[in-house]
């Protein structure tokens, strides 16, 4: 395989990766636009314990909690392209008297 073919294949892989990232962001935003989707995402964030300490005094339990929290932080990061929906999620939950800290 010559260098031009290698470069072409690399560019094709990169284009496919960017396309997948775009689809994932669109999928996330489609879910977050729905009231039902925001309620579900809020429950995930609450279960992940993003806004509370992970320390328990037991190393294994703390490590488990930190893993859950890491997933919650990843979920929050998905809102980067649609931050207004994250604010809407927080506002809706605040009005429902069911804050993320529950």
N, C-alpha and C. Protein backbone atom coordinates (compact mmCIF):
# COMPACT_ATOMS: atom_id res chain seq x y z
N UNK A 1 0.85 -1.17 0.00
CA UNK A 1 0.00 0.00 0.00
C UNK A 1 0.90 1.24 0.00
N UNK A 2 0.61 2.15 -0.91
CA UNK A 2 1.45 3.34 -0.98
C UNK A 2 0.98 4.40 0.01
N UNK A 3 1.76 5.42 0.14
CA UNK A 3 1.50 6.47 1.13
C UNK A 3 0.21 7.22 0.83
N UNK A 4 -0.13 7.36 -0.45
CA UNK A 4 -1.37 8.07 -0.80
C UNK A 4 -2.60 7.26 -0.39
N UNK A 5 -2.52 5.96 -0.57
CA UNK A 5 -3.63 5.09 -0.16
C UNK A 5 -3.79 5.11 1.36
N UNK A 6 -2.67 5.09 2.07
CA UNK A 6 -2.72 5.15 3.53
C UNK A 6 -3.35 6.45 4.01
N UNK A 7 -2.95 7.55 3.38
CA UNK A 7 -3.50 8.86 3.75
C UNK A 7 -4.99 8.92 3.44
N UNK A 8 -5.39 8.39 2.30
CA UNK A 8 -6.80 8.37 1.93
C UNK A 8 -7.61 7.58 2.95
N UNK A 9 -7.13 6.42 3.35
CA UNK A 9 -7.83 5.59 4.33
C UNK A 9 -7.90 6.27 5.70
N UNK A 10 -6.82 6.94 6.07
CA UNK A 10 -6.82 7.68 7.33
C UNK A 10 -7.88 8.78 7.30
N UNK A 11 -7.96 9.51 6.20
CA UNK A 11 -8.95 10.58 6.07
C UNK A 11 -10.37 10.02 6.09
N UNK A 12 -10.57 8.85 5.48
CA UNK A 12 -11.88 8.21 5.50
C UNK A 12 -12.28 7.80 6.91
N UNK A 13 -11.34 7.25 7.67
CA UNK A 13 -11.62 6.87 9.06
C UNK A 13 -11.95 8.09 9.89
N UNK A 14 -11.22 9.18 9.68
CA UNK A 14 -11.44 10.42 10.43
C UNK A 14 -12.82 11.01 10.08
N UNK A 15 -13.19 10.98 8.82
CA UNK A 15 -14.50 11.48 8.41
C UNK A 15 -15.61 10.63 9.02
N UNK A 16 -15.43 9.32 9.07
CA UNK A 16 -16.43 8.44 9.68
C UNK A 16 -16.54 8.70 11.18
N UNK A 17 -15.41 8.95 11.84
CA UNK A 17 -15.42 9.25 13.27
C UNK A 17 -16.16 10.55 13.54
N UNK A 18 -15.89 11.58 12.75
CA UNK A 18 -16.57 12.87 12.92
C UNK A 18 -18.07 12.72 12.67
N UNK A 19 -18.43 11.92 11.68
CA UNK A 19 -19.85 11.68 11.39
C UNK A 19 -20.52 11.00 12.58
N UNK A 20 -19.88 10.02 13.18
CA UNK A 20 -20.44 9.34 14.34
C UNK A 20 -20.60 10.29 15.53
N UNK A 21 -19.63 11.17 15.74
CA UNK A 21 -19.72 12.15 16.81
C UNK A 21 -20.89 13.10 16.58
N UNK A 22 -21.09 13.53 15.36
CA UNK A 22 -22.20 14.40 15.01
C UNK A 22 -23.54 13.72 15.27
N UNK A 23 -23.64 12.46 14.86
CA UNK A 23 -24.87 11.71 15.09
C UNK A 23 -25.14 11.54 16.58
N UNK A 24 -24.10 11.25 17.36
CA UNK A 24 -24.26 11.07 18.80
C UNK A 24 -24.74 12.37 19.45
N UNK A 25 -24.18 13.50 19.04
CA UNK A 25 -24.61 14.80 19.59
C UNK A 25 -26.05 15.09 19.21
N UNK A 26 -26.44 14.78 17.98
CA UNK A 26 -27.81 15.01 17.55
C UNK A 26 -28.78 14.10 18.30
N UNK A 27 -28.39 12.86 18.51
CA UNK A 27 -29.23 11.92 19.26
C UNK A 27 -29.45 12.43 20.69
N UNK A 28 -28.36 12.87 21.32
CA UNK A 28 -28.46 13.36 22.69
C UNK A 28 -29.38 14.57 22.76
N UNK A 29 -29.20 15.50 21.84
CA UNK A 29 -30.03 16.71 21.86
C UNK A 29 -31.50 16.36 21.62
N UNK A 30 -31.77 15.39 20.74
CA UNK A 30 -33.14 14.97 20.48
C UNK A 30 -33.80 14.44 21.75
N UNK A 31 -33.06 13.69 22.54
CA UNK A 31 -33.59 13.16 23.81
C UNK A 31 -33.77 14.30 24.80
N UNK A 32 -32.77 15.18 24.90
CA UNK A 32 -32.81 16.26 25.89
C UNK A 32 -33.89 17.31 25.56
N UNK A 33 -34.33 17.37 24.34
CA UNK A 33 -35.39 18.32 23.97
C UNK A 33 -36.75 17.88 24.51
N UNK A 34 -36.91 16.60 24.74
CA UNK A 34 -38.20 16.09 25.23
C UNK A 34 -38.30 16.23 26.74
N UNK A 35 -39.43 16.64 27.26
CA UNK A 35 -39.60 16.70 28.72
C UNK A 35 -39.31 15.34 29.37
N UNK A 36 -39.77 14.28 28.72
CA UNK A 36 -39.53 12.93 29.25
C UNK A 36 -38.03 12.61 29.26
N UNK A 37 -37.34 13.05 28.23
CA UNK A 37 -35.89 12.84 28.16
C UNK A 37 -35.16 13.59 29.25
N UNK A 38 -35.56 14.83 29.50
CA UNK A 38 -34.91 15.61 30.56
C UNK A 38 -35.18 15.00 31.93
N UNK A 39 -36.40 14.50 32.14
CA UNK A 39 -36.68 13.84 33.43
C UNK A 39 -35.81 12.60 33.60
N UNK A 40 -35.64 11.84 32.53
CA UNK A 40 -34.79 10.65 32.59
C UNK A 40 -33.34 11.04 32.85
N UNK A 41 -32.84 12.03 32.13
CA UNK A 41 -31.46 12.48 32.32
C UNK A 41 -31.26 13.01 33.74
N UNK A 42 -32.26 13.70 34.27
CA UNK A 42 -32.17 14.20 35.64
C UNK A 42 -32.05 13.04 36.62
N UNK A 43 -32.84 11.99 36.41
CA UNK A 43 -32.75 10.82 37.30
C UNK A 43 -31.38 10.17 37.21
N UNK A 44 -30.82 10.10 36.01
CA UNK A 44 -29.47 9.55 35.86
C UNK A 44 -28.47 10.39 36.65
N UNK A 45 -28.56 11.71 36.51
CA UNK A 45 -27.62 12.59 37.23
C UNK A 45 -27.76 12.43 38.73
N UNK A 46 -28.99 12.33 39.20
CA UNK A 46 -29.22 12.16 40.63
C UNK A 46 -28.61 10.83 41.11
N UNK A 47 -28.82 9.77 40.35
CA UNK A 47 -28.28 8.46 40.71
C UNK A 47 -26.76 8.43 40.67
N UNK A 48 -26.19 9.23 39.80
CA UNK A 48 -24.72 9.26 39.67
C UNK A 48 -24.05 10.00 40.82
N UNK A 49 -24.78 10.82 41.53
CA UNK A 49 -24.21 11.53 42.67
C UNK A 49 -23.20 12.59 42.28
N UNK A 50 -23.47 13.27 41.17
CA UNK A 50 -22.53 14.27 40.66
C UNK A 50 -22.26 15.39 41.65
N UNK A 51 -23.28 15.78 42.40
CA UNK A 51 -23.16 16.95 43.26
C UNK A 51 -23.01 16.59 44.74
N UNK A 52 -22.56 15.39 45.01
CA UNK A 52 -22.30 15.03 46.41
C UNK A 52 -20.96 14.29 46.48
N UNK A 53 -20.43 14.20 47.68
CA UNK A 53 -19.13 13.57 47.85
C UNK A 53 -19.20 12.07 47.57
N UNK A 54 -18.10 11.52 47.09
CA UNK A 54 -18.03 10.08 46.85
C UNK A 54 -17.35 9.35 48.00
N UNK A 55 -16.77 10.10 48.91
CA UNK A 55 -16.02 9.50 50.01
C UNK A 55 -16.98 8.86 51.02
N UNK A 56 -16.67 7.62 51.40
CA UNK A 56 -17.49 6.92 52.39
C UNK A 56 -16.67 6.41 53.56
N UNK A 57 -15.36 6.41 53.43
CA UNK A 57 -14.50 5.82 54.45
C UNK A 57 -14.04 4.43 54.05
N UNK A 58 -14.75 3.81 53.11
CA UNK A 58 -14.39 2.50 52.58
C UNK A 58 -13.86 2.70 51.15
N UNK A 59 -12.65 2.24 50.90
CA UNK A 59 -12.00 2.50 49.61
C UNK A 59 -12.80 1.94 48.43
N UNK A 60 -13.30 0.73 48.55
CA UNK A 60 -14.02 0.12 47.43
C UNK A 60 -15.35 0.82 47.15
N UNK A 61 -16.05 1.16 48.20
CA UNK A 61 -17.32 1.87 48.02
C UNK A 61 -17.07 3.26 47.45
N UNK A 62 -16.04 3.92 47.94
CA UNK A 62 -15.70 5.24 47.40
C UNK A 62 -15.31 5.14 45.92
N UNK A 63 -14.56 4.12 45.56
CA UNK A 63 -14.16 3.93 44.16
C UNK A 63 -15.39 3.68 43.29
N UNK A 64 -16.30 2.87 43.78
CA UNK A 64 -17.55 2.61 43.06
C UNK A 64 -18.33 3.91 42.87
N UNK A 65 -18.46 4.70 43.92
CA UNK A 65 -19.17 5.97 43.84
C UNK A 65 -18.49 6.93 42.86
N UNK A 66 -17.17 6.91 42.86
CA UNK A 66 -16.42 7.79 41.95
C UNK A 66 -16.65 7.38 40.51
N UNK A 67 -16.77 6.09 40.24
CA UNK A 67 -17.09 5.63 38.88
C UNK A 67 -18.46 6.11 38.44
N UNK A 68 -19.44 6.02 39.34
CA UNK A 68 -20.78 6.52 39.03
C UNK A 68 -20.74 8.02 38.76
N UNK A 69 -19.99 8.73 39.60
CA UNK A 69 -19.88 10.18 39.44
C UNK A 69 -19.23 10.53 38.10
N UNK A 70 -18.22 9.76 37.70
CA UNK A 70 -17.55 10.00 36.42
C UNK A 70 -18.54 9.88 35.26
N UNK A 71 -19.44 8.92 35.34
CA UNK A 71 -20.45 8.79 34.29
C UNK A 71 -21.39 10.00 34.30
N UNK A 72 -21.73 10.48 35.48
CA UNK A 72 -22.57 11.67 35.57
C UNK A 72 -21.89 12.90 34.99
N UNK A 73 -20.60 13.03 35.24
CA UNK A 73 -19.85 14.15 34.67
C UNK A 73 -19.79 14.05 33.15
N UNK A 74 -19.65 12.82 32.65
CA UNK A 74 -19.68 12.61 31.21
C UNK A 74 -21.03 13.04 30.65
N UNK A 75 -22.10 12.69 31.37
CA UNK A 75 -23.45 13.07 30.92
C UNK A 75 -23.59 14.59 30.86
N UNK A 76 -23.11 15.28 31.88
CA UNK A 76 -23.16 16.74 31.87
C UNK A 76 -22.37 17.29 30.70
N UNK A 77 -21.24 16.68 30.40
CA UNK A 77 -20.40 17.14 29.28
C UNK A 77 -21.16 17.03 27.95
N UNK A 78 -22.06 16.09 27.84
CA UNK A 78 -22.83 15.93 26.60
C UNK A 78 -23.73 17.14 26.33
N UNK A 79 -23.99 17.92 27.37
CA UNK A 79 -24.81 19.13 27.21
C UNK A 79 -24.01 20.29 26.63
N UNK A 80 -22.73 20.13 26.36
CA UNK A 80 -21.91 21.24 25.87
C UNK A 80 -22.47 21.91 24.63
N UNK A 81 -23.04 21.12 23.72
CA UNK A 81 -23.56 21.69 22.48
C UNK A 81 -24.99 22.21 22.62
N UNK A 82 -25.62 21.92 23.75
CA UNK A 82 -27.00 22.38 23.97
C UNK A 82 -27.16 22.78 25.43
N UNK A 83 -26.35 23.73 25.86
CA UNK A 83 -26.32 24.14 27.26
C UNK A 83 -27.66 24.68 27.74
N UNK A 84 -28.42 25.29 26.85
CA UNK A 84 -29.73 25.81 27.24
C UNK A 84 -30.64 24.69 27.73
N UNK A 85 -30.45 23.47 27.21
CA UNK A 85 -31.28 22.35 27.66
C UNK A 85 -30.86 21.88 29.05
N UNK A 86 -29.58 22.00 29.38
CA UNK A 86 -29.13 21.66 30.74
C UNK A 86 -29.74 22.64 31.74
N UNK A 87 -29.72 23.92 31.38
CA UNK A 87 -30.32 24.94 32.25
C UNK A 87 -31.82 24.67 32.39
N UNK A 88 -32.46 24.29 31.28
CA UNK A 88 -33.88 23.98 31.33
C UNK A 88 -34.13 22.78 32.24
N UNK A 89 -33.30 21.75 32.15
CA UNK A 89 -33.42 20.57 33.00
C UNK A 89 -33.33 20.97 34.47
N UNK A 90 -32.35 21.78 34.81
CA UNK A 90 -32.17 22.20 36.20
C UNK A 90 -33.34 23.06 36.67
N UNK A 91 -33.81 23.95 35.81
CA UNK A 91 -34.91 24.82 36.16
C UNK A 91 -36.20 24.03 36.37
N UNK A 92 -36.47 23.10 35.48
CA UNK A 92 -37.68 22.29 35.61
C UNK A 92 -37.66 21.48 36.90
N UNK A 93 -36.51 20.92 37.22
CA UNK A 93 -36.42 20.10 38.42
C UNK A 93 -36.52 20.96 39.66
N UNK A 94 -35.99 22.18 39.59
CA UNK A 94 -36.07 23.09 40.72
C UNK A 94 -37.52 23.46 41.00
N UNK A 95 -38.27 23.70 39.94
CA UNK A 95 -39.69 24.04 40.10
C UNK A 95 -40.50 22.85 40.57
N UNK A 96 -40.02 21.65 40.27
CA UNK A 96 -40.71 20.45 40.70
C UNK A 96 -40.33 20.05 42.11
N UNK A 97 -39.49 20.87 42.76
CA UNK A 97 -39.04 20.60 44.12
C UNK A 97 -38.33 19.27 44.25
N UNK A 98 -37.63 18.89 43.17
CA UNK A 98 -36.91 17.62 43.17
C UNK A 98 -35.50 17.87 42.64
N UNK A 99 -34.70 18.56 43.41
CA UNK A 99 -33.37 18.95 42.97
C UNK A 99 -32.44 17.78 42.77
N UNK A 100 -31.38 18.01 42.02
CA UNK A 100 -30.39 16.98 41.73
C UNK A 100 -29.74 16.47 42.99
N UNK A 101 -29.69 17.28 44.02
CA UNK A 101 -29.01 16.87 45.26
C UNK A 101 -29.77 15.83 46.06
N UNK A 102 -30.98 15.50 45.64
CA UNK A 102 -31.78 14.51 46.38
C UNK A 102 -31.05 13.19 46.49
